Amino acid sequence: RALARVRAAAESEEVLKVLGQKCCTVVTGSMGLGVDVDGSDLDLVLCCPVEVEPLTALQALLSALRGLGETQDLVLVDQASAPVLTFTLEGLSVDVTVNQMGSVRDTL
């Protein structure tokens, strides 16, 4: 259910204005590989067919997630080499990055 809620936020009008209509949310990390265990986090990558500014995209997603009112501990880490949005949803720790195609490639 957490993934469905993040996808819904990513597909909101506000976020699609930044990401474009053909952006998709890809599960990566241990859950993407199917080797997650109790306590694993959910790693997501927003993959867009056009180049987007990661920080701008994550700021739009942060705003949409705040609108859901179900997320906790929303933090946008913008000082990392690749910006990441971290939060907790339904007791699950979630990390979201943008267009980090190496992350997607490494999980396939």
N, C-alpha and C. Protein backbone atom coordinates (compact mmCIF):
# COMPACT_ATOMS: atom_id res chain seq x y z
N ARG A 1 0.82 -1.20 0.00
CA ARG A 1 0.00 0.00 0.00
C ARG A 1 0.85 1.26 0.00
N ALA A 2 2.00 1.21 0.66
CA ALA A 2 2.88 2.39 0.69
C ALA A 2 3.32 2.76 -0.73
N LEU A 3 3.67 1.77 -1.53
CA LEU A 3 4.09 2.04 -2.90
C LEU A 3 2.95 2.68 -3.69
N ALA A 4 1.74 2.21 -3.52
CA ALA A 4 0.59 2.77 -4.22
C ALA A 4 0.38 4.23 -3.84
N ARG A 5 0.58 4.56 -2.58
CA ARG A 5 0.40 5.94 -2.13
C ARG A 5 1.49 6.86 -2.71
N VAL A 6 2.72 6.37 -2.76
CA VAL A 6 3.80 7.18 -3.34
C VAL A 6 3.56 7.36 -4.84
N ARG A 7 3.14 6.30 -5.51
CA ARG A 7 2.85 6.41 -6.94
C ARG A 7 1.72 7.41 -7.18
N ALA A 8 0.70 7.39 -6.34
CA ALA A 8 -0.41 8.34 -6.49
C ALA A 8 0.10 9.78 -6.34
N ALA A 9 0.97 10.00 -5.37
CA ALA A 9 1.54 11.34 -5.18
C ALA A 9 2.39 11.73 -6.39
N ALA A 10 3.18 10.78 -6.91
CA ALA A 10 4.04 11.05 -8.06
C ALA A 10 3.23 11.33 -9.32
N GLU A 11 1.99 10.84 -9.35
CA GLU A 11 1.14 11.05 -10.52
C GLU A 11 0.17 12.21 -10.33
N SER A 12 0.35 12.96 -9.25
CA SER A 12 -0.51 14.12 -9.03
C SER A 12 -0.18 15.20 -10.06
N GLU A 13 -1.13 16.06 -10.33
CA GLU A 13 -0.96 17.10 -11.34
C GLU A 13 0.26 17.97 -11.04
N GLU A 14 0.44 18.29 -9.77
CA GLU A 14 1.57 19.14 -9.35
C GLU A 14 2.91 18.51 -9.71
N VAL A 15 3.04 17.22 -9.49
CA VAL A 15 4.31 16.54 -9.75
C VAL A 15 4.49 16.28 -11.24
N LEU A 16 3.41 15.90 -11.92
CA LEU A 16 3.51 15.63 -13.36
C LEU A 16 3.92 16.86 -14.16
N LYS A 17 3.61 18.05 -13.64
CA LYS A 17 4.05 19.28 -14.31
C LYS A 17 5.58 19.35 -14.36
N VAL A 18 6.22 18.80 -13.34
CA VAL A 18 7.67 18.82 -13.26
C VAL A 18 8.27 17.60 -13.97
N LEU A 19 7.68 16.42 -13.76
CA LEU A 19 8.26 15.17 -14.26
C LEU A 19 7.86 14.82 -15.68
N GLY A 20 6.72 15.30 -16.12
CA GLY A 20 6.21 14.90 -17.42
C GLY A 20 5.26 13.72 -17.28
N GLN A 21 4.44 13.50 -18.27
CA GLN A 21 3.38 12.51 -18.20
C GLN A 21 3.87 11.06 -18.21
N LYS A 22 5.05 10.81 -18.72
CA LYS A 22 5.50 9.42 -18.89
C LYS A 22 6.50 8.97 -17.84
N CYS A 23 6.54 9.66 -16.75
CA CYS A 23 7.43 9.27 -15.66
C CYS A 23 6.86 8.04 -14.95
N CYS A 24 7.73 7.17 -14.51
CA CYS A 24 7.25 5.99 -13.78
C CYS A 24 8.06 5.82 -12.50
N THR A 25 7.48 5.10 -11.55
CA THR A 25 8.12 4.84 -10.27
C THR A 25 8.61 3.40 -10.27
N VAL A 26 9.90 3.20 -10.06
CA VAL A 26 10.51 1.88 -10.10
C VAL A 26 11.02 1.50 -8.72
N VAL A 27 10.69 0.28 -8.29
CA VAL A 27 11.17 -0.23 -7.01
C VAL A 27 12.58 -0.79 -7.24
N THR A 28 13.52 -0.35 -6.41
CA THR A 28 14.90 -0.82 -6.52
C THR A 28 15.32 -1.39 -5.16
N GLY A 29 16.59 -1.64 -4.99
CA GLY A 29 17.09 -2.13 -3.72
C GLY A 29 16.62 -3.55 -3.43
N SER A 30 16.62 -3.91 -2.16
CA SER A 30 16.29 -5.28 -1.77
C SER A 30 14.86 -5.66 -2.14
N MET A 31 13.93 -4.72 -2.03
CA MET A 31 12.54 -5.04 -2.41
C MET A 31 12.42 -5.24 -3.92
N GLY A 32 13.14 -4.44 -4.68
CA GLY A 32 13.13 -4.59 -6.13
C GLY A 32 13.71 -5.93 -6.57
N LEU A 33 14.67 -6.41 -5.81
CA LEU A 33 15.28 -7.70 -6.10
C LEU A 33 14.50 -8.87 -5.49
N GLY A 34 13.55 -8.55 -4.61
CA GLY A 34 12.78 -9.61 -3.96
C GLY A 34 13.53 -10.30 -2.84
N VAL A 35 14.52 -9.63 -2.27
CA VAL A 35 15.30 -10.23 -1.19
C VAL A 35 15.16 -9.43 0.11
N ASP A 36 14.07 -8.68 0.22
CA ASP A 36 13.85 -7.86 1.41
C ASP A 36 13.52 -8.75 2.60
N VAL A 37 13.83 -8.25 3.77
CA VAL A 37 13.55 -8.92 5.04
C VAL A 37 12.81 -7.93 5.94
N ASP A 38 12.31 -8.41 7.05
CA ASP A 38 11.68 -7.51 8.00
C ASP A 38 12.63 -6.37 8.32
N GLY A 39 12.13 -5.16 8.25
CA GLY A 39 12.95 -3.99 8.54
C GLY A 39 13.59 -3.37 7.31
N SER A 40 13.46 -4.01 6.14
CA SER A 40 14.01 -3.42 4.92
C SER A 40 13.26 -2.13 4.59
N ASP A 41 13.97 -1.21 3.94
CA ASP A 41 13.31 0.01 3.50
C ASP A 41 12.84 -0.17 2.06
N LEU A 42 12.07 0.80 1.59
CA LEU A 42 11.57 0.80 0.22
C LEU A 42 12.35 1.85 -0.54
N ASP A 43 13.13 1.41 -1.53
CA ASP A 43 13.92 2.32 -2.37
C ASP A 43 13.19 2.50 -3.70
N LEU A 44 12.93 3.75 -4.05
CA LEU A 44 12.21 4.06 -5.28
C LEU A 44 13.01 5.03 -6.13
N VAL A 45 12.89 4.88 -7.45
CA VAL A 45 13.50 5.81 -8.39
C VAL A 45 12.40 6.33 -9.31
N LEU A 46 12.31 7.64 -9.44
CA LEU A 46 11.40 8.25 -10.40
C LEU A 46 12.14 8.33 -11.72
N CYS A 47 11.71 7.55 -12.70
CA CYS A 47 12.37 7.50 -14.01
C CYS A 47 11.53 8.26 -15.02
N CYS A 48 12.15 9.22 -15.65
CA CYS A 48 11.44 10.08 -16.59
C CYS A 48 12.12 10.00 -17.95
N PRO A 49 11.33 10.06 -19.04
CA PRO A 49 11.92 9.98 -20.37
C PRO A 49 12.65 11.26 -20.78
N VAL A 50 12.46 12.31 -20.02
CA VAL A 50 13.15 13.58 -20.30
C VAL A 50 13.99 13.93 -19.09
N GLU A 51 15.01 14.71 -19.31
CA GLU A 51 15.88 15.15 -18.22
C GLU A 51 15.13 16.11 -17.31
N VAL A 52 15.14 15.82 -16.04
CA VAL A 52 14.52 16.71 -15.06
C VAL A 52 15.54 17.07 -14.00
N GLU A 53 15.33 18.19 -13.35
CA GLU A 53 16.19 18.61 -12.25
C GLU A 53 15.76 17.81 -11.03
N PRO A 54 16.61 16.91 -10.52
CA PRO A 54 16.21 16.04 -9.41
C PRO A 54 15.69 16.79 -8.18
N LEU A 55 16.34 17.87 -7.81
CA LEU A 55 15.92 18.60 -6.62
C LEU A 55 14.52 19.19 -6.81
N THR A 56 14.25 19.76 -7.97
CA THR A 56 12.94 20.32 -8.26
C THR A 56 11.87 19.24 -8.25
N ALA A 57 12.18 18.09 -8.84
CA ALA A 57 11.23 16.98 -8.87
C ALA A 57 10.92 16.47 -7.47
N LEU A 58 11.96 16.32 -6.64
CA LEU A 58 11.75 15.83 -5.28
C LEU A 58 11.01 16.85 -4.42
N GLN A 59 11.23 18.14 -4.67
CA GLN A 59 10.48 19.16 -3.94
C GLN A 59 8.99 19.08 -4.28
N ALA A 60 8.68 18.84 -5.55
CA ALA A 60 7.28 18.69 -5.96
C ALA A 60 6.66 17.45 -5.31
N LEU A 61 7.40 16.36 -5.28
CA LEU A 61 6.90 15.13 -4.66
C LEU A 61 6.72 15.34 -3.16
N LEU A 62 7.65 16.02 -2.52
CA LEU A 62 7.54 16.31 -1.10
C LEU A 62 6.25 17.07 -0.80
N SER A 63 5.95 18.06 -1.61
CA SER A 63 4.73 18.83 -1.44
C SER A 63 3.49 17.95 -1.60
N ALA A 64 3.49 17.09 -2.61
CA ALA A 64 2.35 16.19 -2.83
C ALA A 64 2.20 15.20 -1.68
N LEU A 65 3.31 14.70 -1.16
CA LEU A 65 3.24 13.75 -0.04
C LEU A 65 2.74 14.44 1.22
N ARG A 66 3.14 15.68 1.44
CA ARG A 66 2.62 16.43 2.59
C ARG A 66 1.10 16.54 2.49
N GLY A 67 0.60 16.70 1.27
CA GLY A 67 -0.83 16.80 1.05
C GLY A 67 -1.58 15.54 1.42
N LEU A 68 -0.90 14.40 1.35
CA LEU A 68 -1.54 13.14 1.75
C LEU A 68 -1.80 13.11 3.25
N GLY A 69 -0.91 13.76 4.00
CA GLY A 69 -1.06 13.80 5.44
C GLY A 69 -0.77 12.48 6.13
N GLU A 70 -0.21 11.51 5.43
CA GLU A 70 0.05 10.19 6.01
C GLU A 70 1.53 9.92 6.23
N THR A 71 2.37 10.79 5.70
CA THR A 71 3.80 10.56 5.81
C THR A 71 4.36 11.20 7.07
N GLN A 72 5.44 10.64 7.54
CA GLN A 72 6.13 11.18 8.71
C GLN A 72 7.59 11.37 8.38
N ASP A 73 8.22 12.25 9.10
CA ASP A 73 9.67 12.46 9.00
C ASP A 73 10.14 12.77 7.58
N LEU A 74 9.37 13.58 6.85
CA LEU A 74 9.77 13.96 5.49
C LEU A 74 11.04 14.80 5.53
N VAL A 75 12.09 14.34 4.87
CA VAL A 75 13.36 15.07 4.81
C VAL A 75 13.89 15.01 3.39
N LEU A 76 14.19 16.17 2.84
CA LEU A 76 14.82 16.24 1.52
C LEU A 76 16.31 16.49 1.73
N VAL A 77 17.11 15.50 1.41
CA VAL A 77 18.56 15.60 1.57
C VAL A 77 19.12 16.13 0.25
N ASP A 78 19.38 17.43 0.24
CA ASP A 78 19.83 18.05 -1.01
C ASP A 78 21.34 18.26 -1.07
N GLN A 79 22.05 17.92 -0.03
CA GLN A 79 23.50 18.09 -0.02
C GLN A 79 24.24 16.84 -0.47
N ALA A 80 23.50 15.76 -0.75
CA ALA A 80 24.12 14.52 -1.22
C ALA A 80 24.46 14.67 -2.70
N SER A 81 25.35 13.79 -3.20
CA SER A 81 25.69 13.85 -4.63
C SER A 81 24.46 13.60 -5.49
N ALA A 82 23.56 12.78 -5.00
CA ALA A 82 22.26 12.57 -5.65
C ALA A 82 21.19 12.89 -4.61
N PRO A 83 20.41 13.95 -4.81
CA PRO A 83 19.38 14.30 -3.83
C PRO A 83 18.45 13.13 -3.56
N VAL A 84 18.00 13.00 -2.32
CA VAL A 84 17.11 11.91 -1.94
C VAL A 84 16.03 12.46 -1.00
N LEU A 85 14.83 11.99 -1.19
CA LEU A 85 13.71 12.31 -0.31
C LEU A 85 13.47 11.09 0.56
N THR A 86 13.54 11.27 1.87
CA THR A 86 13.31 10.17 2.79
C THR A 86 12.11 10.48 3.66
N PHE A 87 11.36 9.43 4.01
CA PHE A 87 10.20 9.59 4.87
C PHE A 87 9.73 8.23 5.35
N THR A 88 8.78 8.25 6.25
CA THR A 88 8.16 7.03 6.75
C THR A 88 6.69 7.05 6.36
N LEU A 89 6.21 5.93 5.84
CA LEU A 89 4.82 5.80 5.44
C LEU A 89 4.33 4.43 5.87
N GLU A 90 3.29 4.41 6.68
CA GLU A 90 2.73 3.16 7.19
C GLU A 90 3.79 2.31 7.89
N GLY A 91 4.69 2.98 8.61
CA GLY A 91 5.73 2.28 9.36
C GLY A 91 6.90 1.82 8.51
N LEU A 92 6.89 2.13 7.23
CA LEU A 92 7.94 1.71 6.30
C LEU A 92 8.82 2.90 5.94
N SER A 93 10.12 2.74 6.05
CA SER A 93 11.07 3.78 5.66
C SER A 93 11.19 3.77 4.14
N VAL A 94 11.06 4.96 3.52
CA VAL A 94 11.07 5.07 2.07
C VAL A 94 12.13 6.09 1.65
N ASP A 95 12.91 5.74 0.61
CA ASP A 95 13.89 6.64 0.01
C ASP A 95 13.54 6.79 -1.47
N VAL A 96 13.50 8.04 -1.96
CA VAL A 96 13.17 8.29 -3.36
C VAL A 96 14.27 9.13 -3.99
N THR A 97 14.75 8.69 -5.16
CA THR A 97 15.69 9.47 -5.95
C THR A 97 15.09 9.67 -7.35
N VAL A 98 15.77 10.45 -8.17
CA VAL A 98 15.26 10.76 -9.50
C VAL A 98 16.30 10.43 -10.56
N ASN A 99 15.85 9.69 -11.57
CA ASN A 99 16.65 9.41 -12.77
C ASN A 99 18.05 8.88 -12.49
N GLN A 100 18.19 8.12 -11.46
CA GLN A 100 19.47 7.48 -11.18
C GLN A 100 19.46 6.14 -11.92
N MET A 101 19.64 6.18 -13.21
CA MET A 101 19.46 5.00 -14.04
C MET A 101 20.39 3.87 -13.67
N GLY A 102 21.53 4.15 -13.06
CA GLY A 102 22.41 3.10 -12.58
C GLY A 102 21.73 2.24 -11.54
N SER A 103 20.89 2.88 -10.69
CA SER A 103 20.17 2.13 -9.66
C SER A 103 19.19 1.16 -10.29
N VAL A 104 18.50 1.59 -11.33
CA VAL A 104 17.55 0.73 -12.01
C VAL A 104 18.29 -0.39 -12.72
N ARG A 105 19.34 -0.05 -13.44
CA ARG A 105 20.12 -1.05 -14.18
C ARG A 105 20.68 -2.12 -13.25
N ASP A 106 21.16 -1.71 -12.08
CA ASP A 106 21.78 -2.65 -11.16
C ASP A 106 20.79 -3.63 -10.55
N THR A 107 19.49 -3.31 -10.56
CA THR A 107 18.52 -4.20 -9.96
C THR A 107 17.89 -5.14 -10.97
N LEU A 108 18.14 -4.93 -12.25
CA LEU A 108 17.53 -5.78 -13.29
C LEU A 108 18.40 -6.96 -13.64
